[in-house]
Protein backbone atom coordinates (compact mmCIF):
# COMPACT_ATOMS: atom_id res chain seq x y z
CA MET A 1 55.94 -3.21 -56.66
CA GLU A 2 56.77 -6.21 -54.38
CA PRO A 3 55.77 -9.77 -55.36
CA LYS A 4 52.64 -11.07 -53.88
CA SER A 5 54.46 -13.74 -51.87
CA GLN A 6 56.69 -11.10 -50.27
CA THR A 7 53.75 -9.02 -49.27
CA SER A 8 51.93 -11.88 -47.84
CA ALA A 9 54.94 -12.84 -45.74
CA THR A 10 55.34 -9.45 -44.49
CA ARG A 11 51.80 -9.32 -43.38
CA LYS A 12 52.20 -12.59 -41.39
CA ILE A 13 55.20 -11.40 -39.67
CA LEU A 14 53.52 -8.11 -38.67
CA PHE A 15 50.43 -10.03 -37.55
CA LEU A 16 52.39 -12.51 -35.43
CA PHE A 17 54.20 -9.52 -33.72
CA PHE A 18 51.03 -7.64 -32.85
CA LEU A 19 49.61 -10.96 -31.51
CA GLN A 20 52.71 -11.49 -29.29
CA PHE A 21 52.50 -7.85 -28.00
CA PHE A 22 48.63 -8.18 -27.14
CA THR A 23 49.49 -11.23 -25.34
CA VAL A 24 52.11 -10.04 -23.25
CA MET A 25 50.03 -6.87 -22.37
CA CYS A 26 47.07 -8.96 -21.28
CA VAL A 27 49.50 -10.90 -18.89
CA PHE A 28 51.02 -7.98 -17.45
CA SER A 29 47.57 -6.35 -16.80
CA TYR A 30 46.35 -9.51 -15.12
CA ILE A 31 49.32 -9.87 -12.90
CA ARG A 32 49.21 -6.04 -11.79
CA ILE A 33 45.49 -6.14 -11.06
CA SER A 34 45.75 -9.48 -9.14
CA LYS A 35 48.33 -7.63 -6.83
CA GLU A 36 46.18 -4.83 -6.15
CA PRO A 37 43.63 -4.59 -3.19
CA GLY A 38 40.32 -4.78 -4.68
CA ILE A 39 37.15 -6.71 -5.19
CA SER A 40 38.64 -10.00 -4.30
CA ILE A 41 39.94 -8.88 -0.97
CA CYS A 42 36.48 -7.64 -0.21
CA LEU A 43 35.00 -10.89 -1.03
CA SER A 44 37.49 -12.91 0.99
CA GLU A 45 36.98 -10.54 4.02
CA MET A 46 33.20 -10.79 4.06
CA THR A 47 32.62 -14.41 2.94
CA ASN A 48 34.66 -16.46 5.24
CA ASN A 49 37.81 -16.51 2.89
CA THR A 50 35.72 -17.51 -0.30
CA THR A 51 38.05 -16.45 -3.07
CA ILE A 52 36.61 -14.55 -6.15
CA GLU A 53 37.01 -17.72 -8.42
CA GLU A 54 34.60 -19.19 -6.16
CA ARG A 55 31.75 -16.60 -6.28
CA ALA A 56 30.15 -14.40 -8.85
CA GLU A 57 31.39 -10.97 -9.63
CA PRO A 58 29.39 -8.65 -7.14
CA LYS A 59 26.91 -6.22 -8.45
CA VAL A 60 27.59 -3.45 -5.74
CA VAL A 61 30.56 -3.05 -3.25
CA ILE A 62 29.51 -1.13 -0.18
CA LEU A 63 31.78 0.17 2.38
CA LEU A 64 30.66 1.01 5.89
CA TRP A 65 32.65 3.90 6.91
CA THR A 66 32.05 3.13 10.66
CA TRP A 67 30.33 0.45 12.81
CA PRO A 68 27.15 2.26 13.81
CA PHE A 69 27.90 3.31 17.48
CA GLY A 70 30.49 0.85 17.31
CA GLU A 71 28.10 -2.01 17.25
CA ARG A 72 29.31 -5.09 15.24
CA PHE A 73 26.94 -7.66 13.46
CA PRO A 74 26.98 -10.01 10.50
CA LEU A 75 27.00 -8.19 6.99
CA ASP A 76 26.05 -11.52 5.26
CA LYS A 77 22.36 -11.88 6.07
CA CYS A 78 20.71 -10.00 3.19
CA ASP A 79 19.57 -13.39 1.29
CA SER A 80 17.99 -14.87 4.39
CA LEU A 81 16.58 -11.45 5.68
CA LEU A 82 15.16 -9.99 2.61
CA GLY A 83 15.92 -12.50 -0.22
CA ILE A 84 18.73 -10.07 -1.60
CA SER A 85 21.97 -11.21 -3.10
CA GLY A 86 24.80 -9.41 -5.16
CA CYS A 87 25.81 -7.00 -2.61
CA TYR A 88 29.17 -7.22 -0.60
CA PHE A 89 29.84 -5.04 2.53
CA THR A 90 33.11 -4.11 3.70
CA VAL A 91 34.57 -1.94 6.66
CA ASN A 92 38.17 -1.92 5.03
CA ARG A 93 38.55 1.75 4.20
CA THR A 94 41.39 0.54 1.94
CA LEU A 95 38.75 -0.45 -0.56
CA TYR A 96 37.45 3.06 -0.68
CA LYS A 97 38.49 3.71 -4.20
CA LYS A 98 36.87 0.45 -5.16
CA ALA A 99 33.38 1.02 -3.40
CA ASP A 100 30.47 1.55 -5.38
CA ALA A 101 28.80 3.19 -2.35
CA VAL A 102 29.89 4.49 1.09
CA ILE A 103 27.40 4.42 3.95
CA PHE A 104 28.06 7.05 6.55
CA HIS A 105 26.22 6.67 9.93
CA TYR A 106 25.76 10.23 10.77
CA ARG A 107 25.95 10.13 14.40
CA ASP A 108 29.29 8.69 14.24
CA LEU A 109 30.75 11.54 12.05
CA ARG A 110 29.85 14.31 14.38
CA SER A 111 33.07 14.26 15.99
CA SER A 112 35.21 13.34 13.06
CA ARG A 113 34.06 15.32 9.95
CA GLU A 114 37.52 16.49 9.15
CA GLU A 115 38.39 12.79 8.36
CA LEU A 116 35.39 12.44 6.37
CA PHE A 117 36.01 15.55 4.25
CA GLN A 118 39.43 14.70 3.30
CA GLU A 119 38.04 12.09 1.05
CA PRO A 120 36.84 12.95 -2.37
CA ARG A 121 33.80 11.52 -3.58
CA PHE A 122 34.40 10.04 -7.05
CA THR A 123 31.85 10.32 -9.92
CA PHE A 124 30.71 7.01 -9.92
CA GLN A 125 30.10 6.58 -5.98
CA ARG A 126 27.15 7.07 -4.04
CA TRP A 127 27.49 8.54 -0.66
CA VAL A 128 24.67 7.48 1.56
CA TRP A 129 23.75 9.78 4.58
CA PHE A 130 22.16 7.27 7.28
CA ASN A 131 20.51 8.75 10.14
CA MET A 132 18.08 7.34 12.51
CA GLU A 133 17.79 10.39 14.87
CA SER A 134 15.30 13.30 14.71
CA PRO A 135 16.61 16.80 13.68
CA SER A 136 16.25 17.99 17.44
CA ASN A 137 19.06 15.69 18.28
CA LEU A 138 21.56 16.48 15.41
CA GLY A 139 22.73 19.86 15.58
CA ASN A 140 23.89 21.75 12.46
CA LEU A 141 23.79 20.06 9.21
CA GLU A 142 24.90 22.81 6.90
CA PRO A 143 28.47 21.25 6.54
CA LEU A 144 26.87 18.37 4.63
CA ASN A 145 25.76 20.39 1.75
CA ASN A 146 26.78 18.95 -1.74
CA LEU A 147 28.42 16.08 -0.09
CA PHE A 148 25.81 13.30 -0.28
CA ASN A 149 23.73 11.89 -3.11
CA VAL A 150 21.65 9.36 -1.16
CA THR A 151 19.59 9.78 1.78
CA MET A 152 18.67 6.89 4.18
CA SER A 153 16.41 7.40 7.31
CA TYR A 154 13.24 6.72 9.06
CA ARG A 155 11.61 9.42 6.71
CA GLN A 156 9.45 7.98 4.14
CA ASP A 157 10.66 10.08 1.57
CA SER A 158 14.23 9.07 1.88
CA ASP A 159 16.03 7.30 -0.83
CA ILE A 160 16.43 4.42 1.26
CA PHE A 161 13.54 4.11 3.76
CA THR A 162 14.41 2.34 7.03
CA PRO A 163 11.56 2.59 9.63
CA TYR A 164 11.88 1.52 13.18
CA GLY A 165 8.94 -0.62 12.31
CA TRP A 166 6.01 -1.59 9.91
CA LEU A 167 2.91 -3.63 9.44
CA GLU A 168 2.76 -6.52 7.06
CA LEU A 169 -0.59 -7.65 5.66
CA LEU A 170 -1.39 -11.11 6.58
CA LYS A 171 -2.00 -13.68 3.89
CA GLU A 172 -5.33 -14.73 5.58
CA PRO A 173 -7.09 -13.23 8.75
CA GLU A 174 -5.95 -14.57 11.84
CA ASN A 175 -7.19 -14.54 15.57
CA PHE A 176 -5.15 -12.42 18.01
CA THR A 177 -5.19 -13.12 21.47
CA ILE A 178 -4.81 -10.16 23.85
CA PRO A 179 -2.38 -10.88 26.53
CA PRO A 180 -3.84 -10.90 30.21
CA LYS A 181 -4.20 -7.34 31.57
CA SER A 182 -3.98 -6.71 35.22
CA LYS A 183 -2.65 -3.21 35.26
CA LEU A 184 -3.53 0.22 33.32
CA VAL A 185 -0.58 2.32 32.23
CA SER A 186 3.11 2.12 31.98
CA TRP A 187 5.88 3.89 30.60
CA VAL A 188 9.82 2.94 29.85
CA ILE A 189 11.88 6.11 29.53
CA SER A 190 15.68 6.44 29.62
CA ASN A 191 16.33 10.14 28.59
CA TRP A 192 14.59 12.21 31.42
CA ASN A 193 14.17 15.74 30.40
CA PRO A 194 12.10 17.80 32.70
CA ASN A 195 11.78 20.58 30.25
CA SER A 196 10.49 18.21 27.54
CA ARG A 197 6.66 17.99 26.37
CA ARG A 198 6.65 14.23 26.97
CA VAL A 199 7.65 14.67 30.65
CA GLN A 200 5.43 17.46 31.23
CA TYR A 201 2.49 15.78 29.73
CA TYR A 202 3.23 12.75 31.90
CA GLU A 203 3.53 14.83 35.17
CA GLU A 204 -0.02 16.15 34.26
CA LEU A 205 -1.33 12.72 33.36
CA LYS A 206 -0.20 11.05 36.55
CA LYS A 207 -2.30 13.48 38.57
CA HIS A 208 -5.52 11.67 37.26
CA VAL A 209 -4.42 8.20 36.53
CA LYS A 210 -2.00 5.70 37.93
CA VAL A 211 1.28 5.47 35.53
CA ASP A 212 3.92 2.84 36.32
CA LEU A 213 7.38 4.26 35.62
CA PHE A 214 10.33 2.21 34.45
CA GLY A 215 13.88 3.30 33.30
CA ARG A 216 16.86 4.93 34.64
CA VAL A 217 14.73 7.48 36.85
CA ALA A 218 12.36 4.78 38.24
CA GLN A 219 12.19 0.94 38.53
CA PRO A 220 14.72 -0.72 36.50
CA LEU A 221 13.55 -3.03 33.74
CA ALA A 222 15.80 -5.85 32.29
CA LYS A 223 15.63 -6.05 28.51
CA ILE A 224 14.64 -9.69 28.83
CA ASN A 225 11.57 -8.78 30.89
CA LYS A 226 10.33 -5.86 28.63
CA TYR A 227 7.78 -7.54 26.74
CA SER A 228 6.32 -9.74 29.82
CA THR A 229 6.08 -6.56 31.91
CA ILE A 230 4.47 -4.18 29.29
CA SER A 231 2.03 -6.81 28.24
CA GLN A 232 0.54 -6.81 31.64
CA TYR A 233 -0.79 -3.16 31.12
CA LYS A 234 -3.82 -1.93 29.01
CA PHE A 235 -1.83 1.23 27.67
CA TYR A 236 1.69 2.27 27.24
CA LEU A 237 2.93 5.68 26.92
CA ALA A 238 4.86 5.76 23.22
CA PHE A 239 5.89 9.19 23.75
CA GLU A 240 8.81 10.41 21.26
CA ASN A 241 11.52 12.66 22.61
CA SER A 242 10.89 15.23 19.90
CA VAL A 243 8.25 15.92 17.41
CA HIS A 244 9.08 15.48 13.80
CA LYS A 245 7.63 14.15 10.46
CA ASP A 246 7.60 10.43 10.38
CA TYR A 247 9.59 10.16 13.65
CA ILE A 248 7.89 7.30 15.01
CA THR A 249 10.42 5.01 16.86
CA GLU A 250 10.76 1.50 18.75
CA LYS A 251 8.62 3.37 21.43
CA LEU A 252 5.66 2.47 19.56
CA TRP A 253 6.68 -0.41 17.29
CA ASP A 254 8.74 -2.60 19.81
CA ASN A 255 7.85 -1.41 23.26
CA ALA A 256 4.02 -1.02 22.76
CA LEU A 257 2.82 -3.16 19.70
CA LEU A 258 5.10 -6.15 20.18
CA SER A 259 4.06 -6.23 23.82
CA GLY A 260 0.51 -6.48 22.83
CA THR A 261 -0.84 -3.18 24.49
CA VAL A 262 -2.49 -0.04 23.26
CA PRO A 263 -0.04 2.69 22.62
CA ILE A 264 -0.90 6.29 23.55
CA VAL A 265 1.20 8.54 21.09
CA LEU A 266 2.78 11.65 21.54
CA GLY A 267 4.68 12.71 18.50
CA PRO A 268 3.71 13.73 14.99
CA THR A 269 0.36 14.43 13.98
CA ARG A 270 -2.40 11.75 13.93
CA GLU A 271 -2.45 11.89 10.11
CA ASN A 272 0.93 10.98 10.15
CA TYR A 273 0.69 7.93 12.36
CA GLU A 274 -2.05 6.84 10.12
CA ARG A 275 0.24 6.65 7.25
CA PHE A 276 1.79 3.88 8.87
CA LEU A 277 -1.03 2.32 11.11
CA PRO A 278 -4.79 1.89 11.12
CA SER A 279 -6.74 4.64 12.98
CA ASP A 280 -8.06 2.28 15.72
CA ALA A 281 -4.49 1.06 16.59
CA PHE A 282 -3.57 3.66 18.90
CA ILE A 283 -4.70 6.82 21.20
CA HIS A 284 -3.17 10.20 20.08
CA VAL A 285 -2.92 12.75 23.01
CA ASP A 286 -3.93 15.55 20.51
CA ASP A 287 -7.37 13.79 20.43
CA PHE A 288 -8.06 15.31 23.99
CA PRO A 289 -8.13 18.88 25.01
CA SER A 290 -6.27 17.99 28.22
CA ALA A 291 -4.49 15.30 30.03
CA GLN A 292 -7.13 15.01 32.52
CA GLU A 293 -9.77 14.25 29.63
CA LEU A 294 -7.50 11.40 28.31
CA ALA A 295 -7.11 9.90 31.85
CA SER A 296 -10.84 9.92 31.96
CA TYR A 297 -11.08 8.24 28.76
CA LEU A 298 -8.55 5.58 29.87
CA LYS A 299 -10.73 4.85 32.76
CA LEU A 300 -13.70 4.45 30.58
CA LEU A 301 -11.91 1.98 28.38
CA ASP A 302 -10.83 0.16 31.44
CA SER A 303 -14.35 -0.47 32.62
CA ASP A 304 -15.64 -1.39 29.19
CA ASP A 305 -13.99 -4.47 27.75
CA GLU A 306 -15.80 -4.33 24.59
CA GLN A 307 -14.70 -0.71 23.70
CA TYR A 308 -11.11 -1.63 24.86
CA GLN A 309 -10.93 -4.65 22.45
CA ARG A 310 -11.67 -2.85 19.45
CA TYR A 311 -8.31 -1.45 19.48
CA PHE A 312 -7.12 -5.05 18.75
CA LYS A 313 -9.54 -5.60 15.57
CA TRP A 314 -6.85 -4.59 13.18
CA ARG A 315 -4.38 -7.27 14.38
CA GLY A 316 -6.45 -9.83 12.63
CA ARG A 317 -5.17 -8.46 9.32
CA PHE A 318 -1.75 -7.41 9.99
CA GLN A 319 1.44 -8.61 11.49
CA VAL A 320 3.79 -6.20 13.61
CA LYS A 321 7.40 -5.93 12.35
CA GLY A 322 8.83 -3.97 15.03
CA ASP A 323 12.20 -5.28 15.85
CA ALA A 324 14.02 -3.62 12.92
CA ASN A 325 17.83 -4.00 13.52
CA TRP A 326 21.24 -2.73 11.94
CA PRO A 327 21.59 -5.80 9.45
CA GLU A 328 17.92 -5.45 8.07
CA TRP A 329 18.64 -1.66 7.77
CA TYR A 330 21.81 -2.06 5.69
CA CYS A 331 20.22 -4.89 3.71
CA LYS A 332 17.55 -2.30 2.65
CA ALA A 333 20.59 -0.13 1.69
CA CYS A 334 21.61 -3.15 -0.54
CA GLN A 335 18.45 -3.55 -2.16
CA TYR A 336 18.13 0.00 -3.09
CA LEU A 337 21.65 0.29 -4.35
CA SER A 338 21.53 -2.59 -6.56
CA GLN A 339 18.13 -1.80 -8.00
CA ASN A 340 18.74 1.84 -8.40
CA PRO A 341 21.72 2.76 -10.48
CA PHE A 342 20.97 6.40 -10.36
CA TYR A 343 20.33 8.66 -7.42
CA ARG A 344 18.65 12.05 -6.69
CA ILE A 345 20.94 14.85 -5.77
CA THR A 346 20.32 16.26 -2.18
CA PRO A 347 22.30 19.65 -2.24
CA SER A 348 21.18 20.52 1.45
CA VAL A 349 20.59 17.64 3.93
CA ALA A 350 19.68 20.40 6.52
CA LYS A 351 16.87 21.79 4.45
CA TRP A 352 15.65 18.43 3.49
CA PHE A 353 15.67 17.01 7.04
CA ALA A 354 14.29 19.97 8.87
């Protein structure tokens, strides 16, 4: 048996050896990690060269696979827009393996799916399918099966709900001033399809009431003059290009409601619209057996100010938020991804979005 003093000395030597080994490994790991592309690069890229040491560790790193339709915009506005912090966006695909979530704007993938499918989805990642178009405008979605685990769209049952517009309840009732009206019905349209229901309905409606047409096939209307022009009309044709659940676009929120006119809607059912709007905020074409009877009703309202003005009573209680944009939609994604660490599996985007 060794003397106690010798045993104690041996233990001290072993302890010092392991301590030195542990220190060397920590230094090596630090040097290796600092040289790898990762979060620090992402932070520098998206925060005007602010280094990782100057900011808190991000909660969620989000990679935009593409700029939507090639449009570039600031990615650091979430705090000012929605009071959200802790998300860091990047468009640098070399950070793919470091990203907690990847947002794929579907319309930009239609011609480059092969590029997308070459990348594996890591078990910790959330792949976000982002789409603001209706099913009629998308084509075959079957190749997306078992790829995405988060949905982001105008559909209210999406994981990340990104509507084209919405109403916010005012803290106190306010008086709403109806813009001066001197004309009856207007419509701004860019995608003219003679076989579509909306164009065919317009063709019938104009036989019975005057409709002023703006857009590519009619009078040009500069964006800067849109609100001032439409506000002169008592009614606006907020006709969707296709009829699908929750597909209620800027045609209603931006063109009609922000212009201060009464929308005449053609789209999903009245019940669907009433999930987002008061029943007296719009006129639905389905409420009338024919376009002729709708035209008669519009003429009646034109001659009766009291009846017409009742379509604005709800505005004393709500504020219209109809100018949703890319930064706001992506900030909604930040909000969801930072607050919901888990996700629903969506095996078939095609079946869900039909």
